[in-house]
Amino acid sequence: MLEMELKILKSQAGPAEQSFLFSREEVSSLRLKVEELEAERSRLEEEKKALEAQLERLTLQCHVEESRTKPSACVSCQHWLSCLGFYPLWGHFHAQCEGDYDQSKTKVLHLSLNPAGAARQRLREDQQQLQEECARLRELVRALEAGGPVPAHLEAAAGLPSSREVAELKKQVESAELKNQRLKEVFQTKIQEFRKACYTLTGYQVDITTENQYRLTSMYAEQKADCLIFKATGPSGTKMQLLETAFSRTVPALIELHLLQQDSIPAFLSALTLDLFSRQTLA
């Protein structure tokens, strides 16, 4: 159970450093586990005492029951021996009825599988196991508080990876981080290439201003502030709505024709590109 909880604590760690370094919270958790084990040991000791008391009560009850049934039997035997003239044998017979026996001729047999003895043995084994586990946990807590390496025997007991495994895991994490960094660099490079290709082919630089809003700036714009802003609407952004800007108010004819009448954003952008290009050519 302790090994499983330590593995859960290890799997819940976030970054690579937290996977191999123990924090104060983990040390406190181990302390709490030691206290729980000591409480469990105390509970087992109380159960042991309760079982012993119960065994004593049962033994006493058996003696009481025997004492209740023996007198009648003894009286009958006394009357029978008196009738036969063997009354002197009554003392010997009565002693045997009371549980007396000749130790030189009589042997007392004890059951090898005594339930009470088995219960005591089980309690002793559980108590010994809990004491050993508490000792290992105390030693592990001391080692963690000191900040030094965890001894090998404690690593196996607590289910911790060995130093060799930790080094191997660190190498794997470093390799994965390096691979992730290279993928990010390649991704950024491809994004820039795609943006440049879109700018060269369509004549518009597309930037995301806020969520679901896109700013389009033409390569033929007379000023840097001349831009169009579209907002994605509908499910999955299937529709685009032109928002009013200072630049959009300068081309009302194109908006009326291509957006309101023809309902074509590509036609509107193409017409706007031709209009701006013609202005630069005439200029």
C-alpha atoms as a PDB file:
ATOM      1  CA  MET A   1       0.000   0.000   0.000  1.00  0.00           C
ATOM      2  CA  LEU A   2       2.813   2.428   0.899  1.00  0.00           C
ATOM      3  CA  GLU A   3       4.672   1.635  -2.314  1.00  0.00           C
ATOM      4  CA  MET A   4       1.533   2.346  -4.351  1.00  0.00           C
ATOM      5  CA  GLU A   5       0.963   5.716  -2.647  1.00  0.00           C
ATOM      6  CA  LEU A   6       4.607   6.722  -3.175  1.00  0.00           C
ATOM      7  CA  LYS A   7       4.278   5.824  -6.878  1.00  0.00           C
ATOM      8  CA  ILE A   8       1.143   7.956  -7.103  1.00  0.00           C
ATOM      9  CA  LEU A   9       3.015  10.872  -5.488  1.00  0.00           C
ATOM     10  CA  LYS A  10       5.842  10.401  -7.960  1.00  0.00           C
ATOM     11  CA  SER A  11       3.462  10.295 -10.993  1.00  0.00           C
ATOM     12  CA  GLN A  12       1.670  13.456  -9.864  1.00  0.00           C
ATOM     13  CA  ALA A  13       4.867  15.535 -10.101  1.00  0.00           C
ATOM     14  CA  GLY A  14       4.937  18.047 -12.951  1.00  0.00           C
ATOM     15  CA  PRO A  15       8.319  19.111 -14.396  1.00  0.00           C
ATOM     16  CA  ALA A  16      11.362  16.901 -14.705  1.00  0.00           C
ATOM     17  CA  GLU A  17      12.996  18.413 -11.593  1.00  0.00           C
ATOM     18  CA  GLN A  18       9.981  17.615  -9.433  1.00  0.00           C
ATOM     19  CA  SER A  19      10.080  13.991 -10.620  1.00  0.00           C
ATOM     20  CA  PHE A  20      13.449  13.430  -8.919  1.00  0.00           C
ATOM     21  CA  LEU A  21      13.534  15.902  -6.011  1.00  0.00           C
ATOM     22  CA  PHE A  22      11.386  15.574  -2.914  1.00  0.00           C
ATOM     23  CA  SER A  23       9.605  18.691  -1.681  1.00  0.00           C
ATOM     24  CA  ARG A  24       8.660  19.550   1.835  1.00  0.00           C
ATOM     25  CA  GLU A  25       5.090  18.471   1.105  1.00  0.00           C
ATOM     26  CA  GLU A  26       6.289  14.945   0.242  1.00  0.00           C
ATOM     27  CA  VAL A  27       8.342  14.787   3.459  1.00  0.00           C
ATOM     28  CA  SER A  28       5.281  15.894   5.435  1.00  0.00           C
ATOM     29  CA  SER A  29       3.238  13.224   3.659  1.00  0.00           C
ATOM     30  CA  LEU A  30       5.753  10.559   4.693  1.00  0.00           C
ATOM     31  CA  ARG A  31       5.623  11.823   8.262  1.00  0.00           C
ATOM     32  CA  LEU A  32       1.844  11.498   8.228  1.00  0.00           C
ATOM     33  CA  LYS A  33       2.214   7.953   6.888  1.00  0.00           C
ATOM     34  CA  VAL A  34       4.545   7.093   9.784  1.00  0.00           C
ATOM     35  CA  GLU A  35       1.977   8.431  12.236  1.00  0.00           C
ATOM     36  CA  GLU A  36      -0.757   6.397  10.545  1.00  0.00           C
ATOM     37  CA  LEU A  37       1.353   3.240  10.811  1.00  0.00           C
ATOM     38  CA  GLU A  38       2.037   3.884  14.495  1.00  0.00           C
ATOM     39  CA  ALA A  39      -1.686   4.371  15.057  1.00  0.00           C
ATOM     40  CA  GLU A  40      -2.324   1.078  13.220  1.00  0.00           C
ATOM     41  CA  ARG A  41       0.200  -0.664  15.464  1.00  0.00           C
ATOM     42  CA  SER A  42      -1.541   0.731  18.567  1.00  0.00           C
ATOM     43  CA  ARG A  43      -4.870  -0.490  17.228  1.00  0.00           C
ATOM     44  CA  LEU A  44      -3.449  -3.983  16.690  1.00  0.00           C
ATOM     45  CA  GLU A  45      -2.083  -4.017  20.234  1.00  0.00           C
ATOM     46  CA  GLU A  46      -5.513  -3.090  21.560  1.00  0.00           C
ATOM     47  CA  GLU A  47      -7.068  -5.867  19.482  1.00  0.00           C
ATOM     48  CA  LYS A  48      -4.506  -8.279  20.882  1.00  0.00           C
ATOM     49  CA  LYS A  49      -5.419  -7.314  24.434  1.00  0.00           C
ATOM     50  CA  ALA A  50      -9.100  -7.633  23.618  1.00  0.00           C
ATOM     51  CA  LEU A  51      -8.570 -11.119  22.170  1.00  0.00           C
ATOM     52  CA  GLU A  52      -6.595 -12.190  25.228  1.00  0.00           C
ATOM     53  CA  ALA A  53      -9.340 -10.887  27.510  1.00  0.00           C
ATOM     54  CA  GLN A  54     -11.930 -12.717  25.427  1.00  0.00           C
ATOM     55  CA  LEU A  55      -9.876 -15.917  25.655  1.00  0.00           C
ATOM     56  CA  GLU A  56      -9.697 -15.592  29.427  1.00  0.00           C
ATOM     57  CA  ARG A  57     -13.458 -15.083  29.634  1.00  0.00           C
ATOM     58  CA  LEU A  58     -14.093 -18.146  27.483  1.00  0.00           C
ATOM     59  CA  THR A  59     -11.727 -20.234  29.617  1.00  0.00           C
ATOM     60  CA  LEU A  60     -13.430 -19.080  32.803  1.00  0.00           C
ATOM     61  CA  GLN A  61     -16.820 -19.806  31.276  1.00  0.00           C
ATOM     62  CA  CYS A  62     -15.713 -23.332  30.399  1.00  0.00           C
ATOM     63  CA  HIS A  63     -14.577 -23.917  33.987  1.00  0.00           C
ATOM     64  CA  VAL A  64     -17.900 -22.632  35.287  1.00  0.00           C
ATOM     65  CA  GLU A  65     -19.834 -24.932  32.958  1.00  0.00           C
ATOM     66  CA  GLU A  66     -17.719 -27.891  34.014  1.00  0.00           C
ATOM     67  CA  SER A  67     -18.260 -27.071  37.675  1.00  0.00           C
ATOM     68  CA  ARG A  68     -22.006 -27.018  37.096  1.00  0.00           C
ATOM     69  CA  THR A  69     -22.101 -30.443  35.460  1.00  0.00           C
ATOM     70  CA  LYS A  70     -19.496 -32.244  37.581  1.00  0.00           C
ATOM     71  CA  PRO A  71     -21.287 -32.298  40.983  1.00  0.00           C
ATOM     72  CA  SER A  72     -24.232 -34.353  39.717  1.00  0.00           C
ATOM     73  CA  ALA A  73     -21.882 -36.805  38.034  1.00  0.00           C
ATOM     74  CA  CYS A  74     -19.718 -36.986  41.129  1.00  0.00           C
ATOM     75  CA  VAL A  75     -22.735 -37.600  43.400  1.00  0.00           C
ATOM     76  CA  SER A  76     -23.921 -40.416  41.137  1.00  0.00           C
ATOM     77  CA  CYS A  77     -20.458 -41.971  41.154  1.00  0.00           C
ATOM     78  CA  GLN A  78     -20.243 -41.610  44.935  1.00  0.00           C
ATOM     79  CA  HIS A  79     -23.591 -43.418  45.393  1.00  0.00           C
ATOM     80  CA  TRP A  80     -22.577 -46.185  42.953  1.00  0.00           C
ATOM     81  CA  LEU A  81     -19.221 -46.773  44.667  1.00  0.00           C
ATOM     82  CA  SER A  82     -20.882 -46.816  48.099  1.00  0.00           C
ATOM     83  CA  CYS A  83     -23.354 -49.453  46.972  1.00  0.00           C
ATOM     84  CA  LEU A  84     -20.538 -51.651  45.687  1.00  0.00           C
ATOM     85  CA  GLY A  85     -18.480 -51.200  48.848  1.00  0.00           C
ATOM     86  CA  PHE A  86     -15.710 -49.246  47.145  1.00  0.00           C
ATOM     87  CA  TYR A  87     -16.271 -46.010  48.964  1.00  0.00           C
ATOM     88  CA  PRO A  88     -12.513 -45.559  49.720  1.00  0.00           C
ATOM     89  CA  LEU A  89     -11.971 -45.123  45.972  1.00  0.00           C
ATOM     90  CA  TRP A  90     -14.223 -42.095  46.025  1.00  0.00           C
ATOM     91  CA  GLY A  91     -11.418 -39.678  46.941  1.00  0.00           C
ATOM     92  CA  HIS A  92      -9.271 -40.733  43.992  1.00  0.00           C
ATOM     93  CA  PHE A  93     -12.198 -40.634  41.592  1.00  0.00           C
ATOM     94  CA  HIS A  94     -13.350 -37.236  42.867  1.00  0.00           C
ATOM     95  CA  ALA A  95      -9.840 -35.793  42.411  1.00  0.00           C
ATOM     96  CA  GLN A  96      -9.850 -36.941  38.800  1.00  0.00           C
ATOM     97  CA  CYS A  97     -13.247 -35.352  38.272  1.00  0.00           C
ATOM     98  CA  GLU A  98     -11.835 -32.075  39.582  1.00  0.00           C
ATOM     99  CA  GLY A  99      -9.071 -32.171  36.979  1.00  0.00           C
ATOM    100  CA  ASP A 100      -6.267 -33.661  39.042  1.00  0.00           C
ATOM    101  CA  TYR A 101      -4.004 -36.128  37.280  1.00  0.00           C
ATOM    102  CA  ASP A 102      -0.742 -38.002  37.763  1.00  0.00           C
ATOM    103  CA  GLN A 103       1.907 -36.101  35.787  1.00  0.00           C
ATOM    104  CA  SER A 104       4.160 -39.184  35.613  1.00  0.00           C
ATOM    105  CA  LYS A 105       1.493 -41.263  33.867  1.00  0.00           C
ATOM    106  CA  THR A 106      -0.662 -38.656  32.141  1.00  0.00           C
ATOM    107  CA  LYS A 107       0.254 -36.310  29.291  1.00  0.00           C
ATOM    108  CA  VAL A 108      -1.596 -33.146  28.347  1.00  0.00           C
ATOM    109  CA  LEU A 109      -1.969 -32.678  24.598  1.00  0.00           C
ATOM    110  CA  HIS A 110      -2.150 -29.214  23.067  1.00  0.00           C
ATOM    111  CA  LEU A 111      -3.583 -28.598  19.613  1.00  0.00           C
ATOM    112  CA  SER A 112      -0.899 -27.602  17.110  1.00  0.00           C
ATOM    113  CA  LEU A 113      -3.438 -25.410  15.266  1.00  0.00           C
ATOM    114  CA  ASN A 114      -4.707 -23.552  18.305  1.00  0.00           C
ATOM    115  CA  PRO A 115      -6.933 -20.640  17.152  1.00  0.00           C
ATOM    116  CA  ALA A 116      -5.882 -18.463  20.074  1.00  0.00           C
ATOM    117  CA  GLY A 117      -2.200 -19.172  19.453  1.00  0.00           C
ATOM    118  CA  ALA A 118      -2.597 -18.500  15.745  1.00  0.00           C
ATOM    119  CA  ALA A 119      -4.270 -15.170  16.515  1.00  0.00           C
ATOM    120  CA  ARG A 120      -1.453 -14.185  18.866  1.00  0.00           C
ATOM    121  CA  GLN A 121       1.164 -15.183  16.307  1.00  0.00           C
ATOM    122  CA  ARG A 122      -0.583 -13.183  13.599  1.00  0.00           C
ATOM    123  CA  LEU A 123      -0.749 -10.127  15.824  1.00  0.00           C
ATOM    124  CA  ARG A 124       2.941 -10.441  16.686  1.00  0.00           C
ATOM    125  CA  GLU A 125       3.877 -10.720  13.000  1.00  0.00           C
ATOM    126  CA  ASP A 126       1.742  -7.709  12.053  1.00  0.00           C
ATOM    127  CA  GLN A 127       3.214  -5.675  14.872  1.00  0.00           C
ATOM    128  CA  GLN A 128       6.760  -6.637  13.889  1.00  0.00           C
ATOM    129  CA  GLN A 129       6.084  -5.743  10.248  1.00  0.00           C
ATOM    130  CA  LEU A 130       4.636  -2.368  11.184  1.00  0.00           C
ATOM    131  CA  GLN A 131       7.589  -1.597  13.448  1.00  0.00           C
ATOM    132  CA  GLU A 132      10.066  -2.420  10.673  1.00  0.00           C
ATOM    133  CA  GLU A 133       8.125  -0.322   8.172  1.00  0.00           C
ATOM    134  CA  CYS A 134       8.002   2.617  10.603  1.00  0.00           C
ATOM    135  CA  ALA A 135      11.760   2.355  11.121  1.00  0.00           C
ATOM    136  CA  ARG A 136      12.380   2.382   7.348  1.00  0.00           C
ATOM    137  CA  LEU A 137      10.111   5.393   6.890  1.00  0.00           C
ATOM    138  CA  ARG A 138      11.817   7.314   9.704  1.00  0.00           C
ATOM    139  CA  GLU A 139      15.202   6.650   8.124  1.00  0.00           C
ATOM    140  CA  LEU A 140      13.852   7.717   4.714  1.00  0.00           C
ATOM    141  CA  VAL A 141      12.447  10.954   6.172  1.00  0.00           C
ATOM    142  CA  ARG A 142      15.788  11.740   7.820  1.00  0.00           C
ATOM    143  CA  ALA A 143      17.632  11.126   4.547  1.00  0.00           C
ATOM    144  CA  LEU A 144      15.226  13.372   2.622  1.00  0.00           C
ATOM    145  CA  GLU A 145      15.433  16.152   5.192  1.00  0.00           C
ATOM    146  CA  ALA A 146      19.231  16.032   5.065  1.00  0.00           C
ATOM    147  CA  GLY A 147      19.077  16.494   1.285  1.00  0.00           C
ATOM    148  CA  GLY A 148      21.546  13.719   0.590  1.00  0.00           C
ATOM    149  CA  PRO A 149      21.154  10.674  -1.632  1.00  0.00           C
ATOM    150  CA  VAL A 150      18.604   8.072  -0.618  1.00  0.00           C
ATOM    151  CA  PRO A 151      20.236   4.776   0.452  1.00  0.00           C
ATOM    152  CA  ALA A 152      19.785   1.871  -1.923  1.00  0.00           C
ATOM    153  CA  HIS A 153      17.880  -0.313   0.553  1.00  0.00           C
ATOM    154  CA  LEU A 154      15.442   2.530   1.218  1.00  0.00           C
ATOM    155  CA  GLU A 155      14.927   3.095  -2.502  1.00  0.00           C
ATOM    156  CA  ALA A 156      13.837  -0.515  -2.904  1.00  0.00           C
ATOM    157  CA  ALA A 157      11.637  -0.369   0.207  1.00  0.00           C
ATOM    158  CA  ALA A 158       9.918   2.876  -0.783  1.00  0.00           C
ATOM    159  CA  GLY A 159       9.571   1.919  -4.435  1.00  0.00           C
ATOM    160  CA  LEU A 160      11.868   4.761  -5.577  1.00  0.00           C
ATOM    161  CA  PRO A 161      13.894   4.488  -8.778  1.00  0.00           C
ATOM    162  CA  SER A 162      17.585   3.828  -8.431  1.00  0.00           C
ATOM    163  CA  SER A 163      20.238   6.425  -9.229  1.00  0.00           C
ATOM    164  CA  ARG A 164      20.930   4.732 -12.530  1.00  0.00           C
ATOM    165  CA  GLU A 165      17.259   4.817 -13.473  1.00  0.00           C
ATOM    166  CA  VAL A 166      17.031   8.479 -12.465  1.00  0.00           C
ATOM    167  CA  ALA A 167      20.011   9.360 -14.660  1.00  0.00           C
ATOM    168  CA  GLU A 168      18.488   7.467 -17.574  1.00  0.00           C
ATOM    169  CA  LEU A 169      15.159   9.250 -17.099  1.00  0.00           C
ATOM    170  CA  LYS A 170      16.934  12.617 -17.017  1.00  0.00           C
ATOM    171  CA  LYS A 171      18.607  11.835 -20.323  1.00  0.00           C
ATOM    172  CA  GLN A 172      15.267  10.888 -21.843  1.00  0.00           C
ATOM    173  CA  VAL A 173      13.665  14.120 -20.582  1.00  0.00           C
ATOM    174  CA  GLU A 174      16.522  16.235 -21.933  1.00  0.00           C
ATOM    175  CA  SER A 175      16.282  14.486 -25.297  1.00  0.00           C
ATOM    176  CA  ALA A 176      12.510  15.038 -25.405  1.00  0.00           C
ATOM    177  CA  GLU A 177      12.905  18.734 -24.498  1.00  0.00           C
ATOM    178  CA  LEU A 178      15.546  19.198 -27.197  1.00  0.00           C
ATOM    179  CA  LYS A 179      13.291  17.505 -29.745  1.00  0.00           C
ATOM    180  CA  ASN A 180      10.368  19.678 -28.684  1.00  0.00           C
ATOM    181  CA  GLN A 181      12.479  22.830 -29.020  1.00  0.00           C
ATOM    182  CA  ARG A 182      13.553  21.837 -32.530  1.00  0.00           C
ATOM    183  CA  LEU A 183       9.944  21.177 -33.500  1.00  0.00           C
ATOM    184  CA  LYS A 184       8.977  24.632 -32.222  1.00  0.00           C
ATOM    185  CA  GLU A 185      11.716  26.242 -34.285  1.00  0.00           C
ATOM    186  CA  VAL A 186      10.676  24.345 -37.401  1.00  0.00           C
ATOM    187  CA  PHE A 187       7.029  25.234 -36.760  1.00  0.00           C
ATOM    188  CA  GLN A 188       7.837  28.929 -36.410  1.00  0.00           C
ATOM    189  CA  THR A 189       9.895  28.835 -39.596  1.00  0.00           C
ATOM    190  CA  LYS A 190       7.077  27.192 -41.538  1.00  0.00           C
ATOM    191  CA  ILE A 191       4.572  29.719 -40.203  1.00  0.00           C
ATOM    192  CA  GLN A 192       6.710  32.603 -41.392  1.00  0.00           C
ATOM    193  CA  GLU A 193       7.143  30.972 -44.793  1.00  0.00           C
ATOM    194  CA  PHE A 194       3.385  30.468 -45.074  1.00  0.00           C
ATOM    195  CA  ARG A 195       2.645  34.084 -44.102  1.00  0.00           C
ATOM    196  CA  LYS A 196       5.127  35.378 -46.660  1.00  0.00           C
ATOM    197  CA  ALA A 197       3.650  33.127 -49.357  1.00  0.00           C
ATOM    198  CA  CYS A 198       0.118  34.360 -48.570  1.00  0.00           C
ATOM    199  CA  TYR A 199       1.320  37.978 -48.631  1.00  0.00           C
ATOM    200  CA  THR A 200       3.057  37.485 -51.976  1.00  0.00           C
ATOM    201  CA  LEU A 201       0.172  35.599 -53.623  1.00  0.00           C
ATOM    202  CA  THR A 202      -2.827  37.550 -52.321  1.00  0.00           C
ATOM    203  CA  GLY A 203      -1.249  40.929 -51.653  1.00  0.00           C
ATOM    204  CA  TYR A 204      -2.570  41.033 -48.077  1.00  0.00           C
ATOM    205  CA  GLN A 205      -0.833  40.524 -44.767  1.00  0.00           C
ATOM    206  CA  VAL A 206      -3.177  38.752 -42.344  1.00  0.00           C
ATOM    207  CA  ASP A 207      -2.757  39.300 -38.598  1.00  0.00           C
ATOM    208  CA  ILE A 208      -4.892  38.052 -35.713  1.00  0.00           C
ATOM    209  CA  THR A 209      -5.756  41.014 -33.496  1.00  0.00           C
ATOM    210  CA  THR A 210      -8.140  39.434 -30.989  1.00  0.00           C
ATOM    211  CA  GLU A 211     -10.118  36.220 -30.854  1.00  0.00           C
ATOM    212  CA  ASN A 212     -12.021  35.634 -34.120  1.00  0.00           C
ATOM    213  CA  GLN A 213     -10.818  38.962 -35.584  1.00  0.00           C
ATOM    214  CA  TYR A 214      -8.406  39.316 -38.506  1.00  0.00           C
ATOM    215  CA  ARG A 215      -6.642  42.423 -39.802  1.00  0.00           C
ATOM    216  CA  LEU A 216      -5.826  42.628 -43.509  1.00  0.00           C
ATOM    217  CA  THR A 217      -3.229  45.106 -44.758  1.00  0.00           C
ATOM    218  CA  SER A 218      -2.650  45.476 -48.485  1.00  0.00           C
ATOM    219  CA  MET A 219       0.871  45.664 -49.876  1.00  0.00           C
ATOM    220  CA  TYR A 220      -0.348  48.629 -51.946  1.00  0.00           C
ATOM    221  CA  ALA A 221      -1.769  50.540 -48.986  1.00  0.00           C
ATOM    222  CA  GLU A 222      -0.867  54.224 -49.023  1.00  0.00           C
ATOM    223  CA  GLN A 223      -0.441  54.294 -45.245  1.00  0.00           C
ATOM    224  CA  LYS A 224       0.384  51.655 -42.656  1.00  0.00           C
ATOM    225  CA  ALA A 225      -2.843  52.408 -40.794  1.00  0.00           C
ATOM    226  CA  ASP A 226      -4.942  51.558 -43.881  1.00  0.00           C
ATOM    227  CA  CYS A 227      -6.372  48.150 -43.017  1.00  0.00           C
ATOM    228  CA  LEU A 228      -9.542  46.088 -43.024  1.00  0.00           C
ATOM    229  CA  ILE A 229     -10.827  44.118 -40.051  1.00  0.00           C
ATOM    230  CA  PHE A 230     -12.988  41.029 -40.480  1.00  0.00           C
ATOM    231  CA  LYS A 231     -14.735  39.165 -37.702  1.00  0.00           C
ATOM    232  CA  ALA A 232     -15.470  35.453 -37.960  1.00  0.00           C
ATOM    233  CA  THR A 233     -19.106  34.603 -37.237  1.00  0.00           C
ATOM    234  CA  GLY A 234     -21.257  31.525 -37.468  1.00  0.00           C
ATOM    235  CA  PRO A 235     -20.275  27.959 -36.578  1.00  0.00           C
ATOM    236  CA  SER A 236     -16.516  27.340 -36.901  1.00  0.00           C
ATOM    237  CA  GLY A 237     -16.044  30.807 -38.397  1.00  0.00           C
ATOM    238  CA  THR A 238     -17.653  29.934 -41.723  1.00  0.00           C
ATOM    239  CA  LYS A 239     -18.812  33.511 -42.260  1.00  0.00           C
ATOM    240  CA  MET A 240     -16.887  36.788 -42.166  1.00  0.00           C
ATOM    241  CA  GLN A 241     -18.239  40.220 -41.310  1.00  0.00           C
ATOM    242  CA  LEU A 242     -16.436  43.422 -42.262  1.00  0.00           C
ATOM    243  CA  LEU A 243     -16.027  45.813 -39.336  1.00  0.00           C
ATOM    244  CA  GLU A 244     -15.985  49.556 -39.887  1.00  0.00           C
ATOM    245  CA  THR A 245     -12.584  51.247 -39.867  1.00  0.00           C
ATOM    246  CA  ALA A 246     -11.260  54.591 -41.048  1.00  0.00           C
ATOM    247  CA  PHE A 247      -9.972  52.913 -44.220  1.00  0.00           C
ATOM    248  CA  SER A 248     -13.210  51.006 -44.946  1.00  0.00           C
ATOM    249  CA  ARG A 249     -15.128  54.308 -44.961  1.00  0.00           C
ATOM    250  CA  THR A 250     -13.015  55.459 -47.954  1.00  0.00           C
ATOM    251  CA  VAL A 251     -14.279  52.640 -50.241  1.00  0.00           C
ATOM    252  CA  PRO A 252     -18.080  52.639 -49.827  1.00  0.00           C
ATOM    253  CA  ALA A 253     -18.692  51.912 -53.530  1.00  0.00           C
ATOM    254  CA  LEU A 254     -16.676  48.694 -53.453  1.00  0.00           C
ATOM    255  CA  ILE A 255     -18.421  47.584 -50.271  1.00  0.00           C
ATOM    256  CA  GLU A 256     -21.856  48.289 -51.748  1.00  0.00           C
ATOM    257  CA  LEU A 257     -21.140  46.419 -54.973  1.00  0.00           C
ATOM    258  CA  HIS A 258     -19.113  43.381 -53.927  1.00  0.00           C
ATOM    259  CA  LEU A 259     -20.215  42.774 -50.329  1.00  0.00           C
ATOM    260  CA  LEU A 260     -23.817  43.931 -50.155  1.00  0.00           C
ATOM    261  CA  GLN A 261     -24.948  43.098 -53.690  1.00  0.00           C
ATOM    262  CA  GLN A 262     -22.630  40.268 -54.814  1.00  0.00           C
ATOM    263  CA  ASP A 263     -21.842  38.928 -51.305  1.00  0.00           C
ATOM    264  CA  SER A 264     -18.267  38.053 -52.306  1.00  0.00           C
ATOM    265  CA  ILE A 265     -15.340  38.891 -50.066  1.00  0.00           C
ATOM    266  CA  PRO A 266     -12.701  37.608 -52.571  1.00  0.00           C
ATOM    267  CA  ALA A 267     -14.166  39.874 -55.273  1.00  0.00           C
ATOM    268  CA  PHE A 268     -14.110  42.811 -52.850  1.00  0.00           C
ATOM    269  CA  LEU A 269     -10.475  42.211 -51.914  1.00  0.00           C
ATOM    270  CA  SER A 270      -9.458  41.775 -55.558  1.00  0.00           C
ATOM    271  CA  ALA A 271     -11.233  44.981 -56.578  1.00  0.00           C
ATOM    272  CA  LEU A 272      -9.626  46.832 -53.690  1.00  0.00           C
ATOM    273  CA  THR A 273      -6.185  45.514 -54.700  1.00  0.00           C
ATOM    274  CA  LEU A 274      -6.697  46.712 -58.283  1.00  0.00           C
ATOM    275  CA  ASP A 275      -7.919  50.092 -57.036  1.00  0.00           C
ATOM    276  CA  LEU A 276      -4.909  50.613 -54.769  1.00  0.00           C
ATOM    277  CA  PHE A 277      -2.520  49.351 -57.460  1.00  0.00           C
ATOM    278  CA  SER A 278      -3.967  51.767 -60.012  1.00  0.00           C
ATOM    279  CA  ARG A 279      -3.543  54.652 -57.568  1.00  0.00           C
ATOM    280  CA  GLN A 280       0.162  53.891 -57.160  1.00  0.00           C
ATOM    281  CA  THR A 281       0.587  53.422 -60.919  1.00  0.00           C
ATOM    282  CA  LEU A 282      -1.079  56.757 -61.730  1.00  0.00           C
ATOM    283  CA  ALA A 283       0.877  58.464 -59.030  1.00  0.00           C
END
